[in-house]
Amino acid sequence: MAMQITEDCINCGSCEPECPVNAITEGDDIFIIDAEACVECEGYHDEPACADVCPVECIIKA
């Protein structure tokens, strides 16, 4: 599985530096998670770090 950023994203960028595998990039309107690269932080954190820091809670499991 992978995490996904919904259209509720406010493009704040707080999630991008939290990703240990650099799967998050800035898109045109919202940030995007590369589903093939995302490991849901397994082996790095107990929970997906991007979702923990998101101020609008728009990062969900895909």
N, C-alpha and C. Protein backbone atom coordinates (compact mmCIF):
# COMPACT_ATOMS: atom_id res chain seq x y z
N MET A 1 0.85 -1.18 0.00
CA MET A 1 0.00 0.00 0.00
C MET A 1 0.89 1.25 0.00
N ALA A 2 0.23 2.37 -0.12
CA ALA A 2 0.94 3.65 -0.12
C ALA A 2 0.01 4.71 0.45
N MET A 3 0.58 5.82 0.79
CA MET A 3 -0.20 6.96 1.24
C MET A 3 -0.59 7.78 0.02
N GLN A 4 -1.64 8.59 0.19
CA GLN A 4 -2.13 9.43 -0.90
C GLN A 4 -2.51 10.78 -0.31
N ILE A 5 -2.26 11.85 -1.06
CA ILE A 5 -2.64 13.19 -0.65
C ILE A 5 -3.90 13.57 -1.42
N THR A 6 -4.94 13.96 -0.69
CA THR A 6 -6.21 14.32 -1.32
C THR A 6 -6.18 15.77 -1.80
N GLU A 7 -7.23 16.15 -2.52
CA GLU A 7 -7.31 17.52 -3.04
C GLU A 7 -7.52 18.56 -1.95
N ASP A 8 -7.68 18.12 -0.70
CA ASP A 8 -7.79 19.05 0.43
C ASP A 8 -6.44 19.65 0.80
N CYS A 9 -5.37 19.19 0.16
CA CYS A 9 -4.01 19.68 0.43
C CYS A 9 -3.96 21.19 0.23
N ILE A 10 -3.32 21.89 1.18
CA ILE A 10 -3.17 23.34 1.08
C ILE A 10 -1.78 23.73 0.56
N ASN A 11 -1.02 22.74 0.10
CA ASN A 11 0.28 22.97 -0.51
C ASN A 11 1.27 23.63 0.44
N CYS A 12 1.22 23.25 1.72
CA CYS A 12 2.09 23.88 2.72
C CYS A 12 3.51 23.33 2.70
N GLY A 13 3.66 22.09 2.23
CA GLY A 13 4.99 21.49 2.12
C GLY A 13 5.52 20.84 3.38
N SER A 14 4.74 20.78 4.44
CA SER A 14 5.24 20.19 5.68
C SER A 14 5.52 18.70 5.56
N CYS A 15 4.87 18.02 4.64
CA CYS A 15 5.03 16.57 4.49
C CYS A 15 6.32 16.18 3.77
N GLU A 16 6.72 16.97 2.80
CA GLU A 16 7.84 16.59 1.93
C GLU A 16 9.13 16.23 2.69
N PRO A 17 9.59 17.06 3.61
CA PRO A 17 10.86 16.71 4.29
C PRO A 17 10.74 15.53 5.26
N GLU A 18 9.53 15.14 5.60
CA GLU A 18 9.32 14.03 6.53
C GLU A 18 9.48 12.66 5.88
N CYS A 19 9.40 12.59 4.55
CA CYS A 19 9.43 11.30 3.86
C CYS A 19 10.86 10.74 3.82
N PRO A 20 11.08 9.57 4.43
CA PRO A 20 12.43 9.01 4.46
C PRO A 20 12.90 8.43 3.13
N VAL A 21 11.98 8.24 2.17
CA VAL A 21 12.37 7.68 0.88
C VAL A 21 12.15 8.66 -0.27
N ASN A 22 11.91 9.93 0.06
CA ASN A 22 11.72 10.99 -0.93
C ASN A 22 10.63 10.68 -1.95
N ALA A 23 9.50 10.15 -1.47
CA ALA A 23 8.39 9.80 -2.35
C ALA A 23 7.41 10.96 -2.56
N ILE A 24 7.62 12.07 -1.86
CA ILE A 24 6.69 13.20 -1.95
C ILE A 24 7.33 14.33 -2.75
N THR A 25 6.58 14.83 -3.72
CA THR A 25 7.05 15.96 -4.53
C THR A 25 5.92 16.98 -4.68
N GLU A 26 6.30 18.20 -5.01
CA GLU A 26 5.31 19.24 -5.21
C GLU A 26 4.72 19.14 -6.61
N GLY A 27 3.40 19.07 -6.68
CA GLY A 27 2.71 19.06 -7.96
C GLY A 27 2.28 20.48 -8.32
N ASP A 28 1.41 20.60 -9.29
CA ASP A 28 0.94 21.92 -9.71
C ASP A 28 0.13 22.62 -8.62
N ASP A 29 -0.82 21.89 -8.02
CA ASP A 29 -1.70 22.49 -7.01
C ASP A 29 -1.54 21.87 -5.63
N ILE A 30 -1.15 20.61 -5.59
CA ILE A 30 -0.99 19.90 -4.32
C ILE A 30 0.29 19.07 -4.38
N PHE A 31 0.72 18.59 -3.22
CA PHE A 31 1.86 17.67 -3.18
C PHE A 31 1.38 16.29 -3.60
N ILE A 32 2.30 15.50 -4.13
CA ILE A 32 1.97 14.19 -4.69
C ILE A 32 2.89 13.13 -4.07
N ILE A 33 2.33 11.97 -3.77
CA ILE A 33 3.11 10.85 -3.26
C ILE A 33 3.25 9.81 -4.37
N ASP A 34 4.48 9.43 -4.67
CA ASP A 34 4.75 8.38 -5.65
C ASP A 34 4.41 7.04 -4.99
N ALA A 35 3.31 6.43 -5.42
CA ALA A 35 2.83 5.19 -4.79
C ALA A 35 3.83 4.05 -4.89
N GLU A 36 4.63 4.03 -5.94
CA GLU A 36 5.61 2.95 -6.09
C GLU A 36 6.80 3.12 -5.15
N ALA A 37 7.07 4.34 -4.74
CA ALA A 37 8.20 4.61 -3.84
C ALA A 37 7.79 4.61 -2.37
N CYS A 38 6.53 4.93 -2.10
CA CYS A 38 6.06 5.05 -0.72
C CYS A 38 6.09 3.71 0.00
N VAL A 39 6.67 3.70 1.19
CA VAL A 39 6.73 2.49 2.01
C VAL A 39 5.94 2.65 3.31
N GLU A 40 5.10 3.72 3.37
CA GLU A 40 4.32 4.03 4.56
C GLU A 40 5.21 4.11 5.80
N CYS A 41 6.45 4.48 5.61
CA CYS A 41 7.44 4.65 6.67
C CYS A 41 7.81 3.36 7.40
N GLU A 42 7.44 2.21 6.83
CA GLU A 42 7.82 0.94 7.45
C GLU A 42 9.34 0.83 7.49
N GLY A 43 9.84 0.52 8.67
CA GLY A 43 11.27 0.44 8.87
C GLY A 43 11.91 1.77 9.26
N TYR A 44 11.12 2.84 9.25
CA TYR A 44 11.62 4.17 9.58
C TYR A 44 10.88 4.78 10.78
N HIS A 45 9.55 4.69 10.77
CA HIS A 45 8.70 5.26 11.81
C HIS A 45 7.57 4.28 12.12
N ASP A 46 6.94 4.46 13.29
CA ASP A 46 5.81 3.61 13.66
C ASP A 46 4.57 3.89 12.82
N GLU A 47 4.40 5.14 12.43
CA GLU A 47 3.26 5.58 11.63
C GLU A 47 3.79 6.41 10.46
N PRO A 48 3.02 6.57 9.40
CA PRO A 48 3.46 7.42 8.29
C PRO A 48 3.73 8.85 8.78
N ALA A 49 4.96 9.30 8.67
CA ALA A 49 5.37 10.60 9.19
C ALA A 49 4.68 11.75 8.48
N CYS A 50 4.42 11.60 7.20
CA CYS A 50 3.77 12.68 6.45
C CYS A 50 2.38 12.98 7.01
N ALA A 51 1.63 11.94 7.32
CA ALA A 51 0.28 12.11 7.86
C ALA A 51 0.31 12.75 9.24
N ASP A 52 1.34 12.42 10.02
CA ASP A 52 1.46 12.98 11.37
C ASP A 52 1.66 14.49 11.36
N VAL A 53 2.34 15.02 10.35
CA VAL A 53 2.63 16.46 10.33
C VAL A 53 1.65 17.28 9.50
N CYS A 54 0.76 16.63 8.78
CA CYS A 54 -0.17 17.35 7.91
C CYS A 54 -1.18 18.16 8.73
N PRO A 55 -1.20 19.49 8.55
CA PRO A 55 -2.11 20.33 9.36
C PRO A 55 -3.58 20.21 8.96
N VAL A 56 -3.87 19.70 7.78
CA VAL A 56 -5.26 19.58 7.34
C VAL A 56 -5.71 18.13 7.21
N GLU A 57 -4.88 17.20 7.64
CA GLU A 57 -5.19 15.77 7.67
C GLU A 57 -5.68 15.27 6.31
N CYS A 58 -4.96 15.62 5.25
CA CYS A 58 -5.38 15.23 3.90
C CYS A 58 -4.57 14.06 3.35
N ILE A 59 -3.74 13.44 4.18
CA ILE A 59 -2.94 12.31 3.73
C ILE A 59 -3.56 11.03 4.29
N ILE A 60 -3.97 10.16 3.36
CA ILE A 60 -4.68 8.95 3.73
C ILE A 60 -4.02 7.73 3.09
N LYS A 61 -4.38 6.55 3.56
CA LYS A 61 -3.91 5.32 2.92
C LYS A 61 -4.65 5.16 1.60
N ALA A 62 -3.89 4.85 0.55
CA ALA A 62 -4.50 4.71 -0.79
C ALA A 62 -5.26 3.42 -0.90
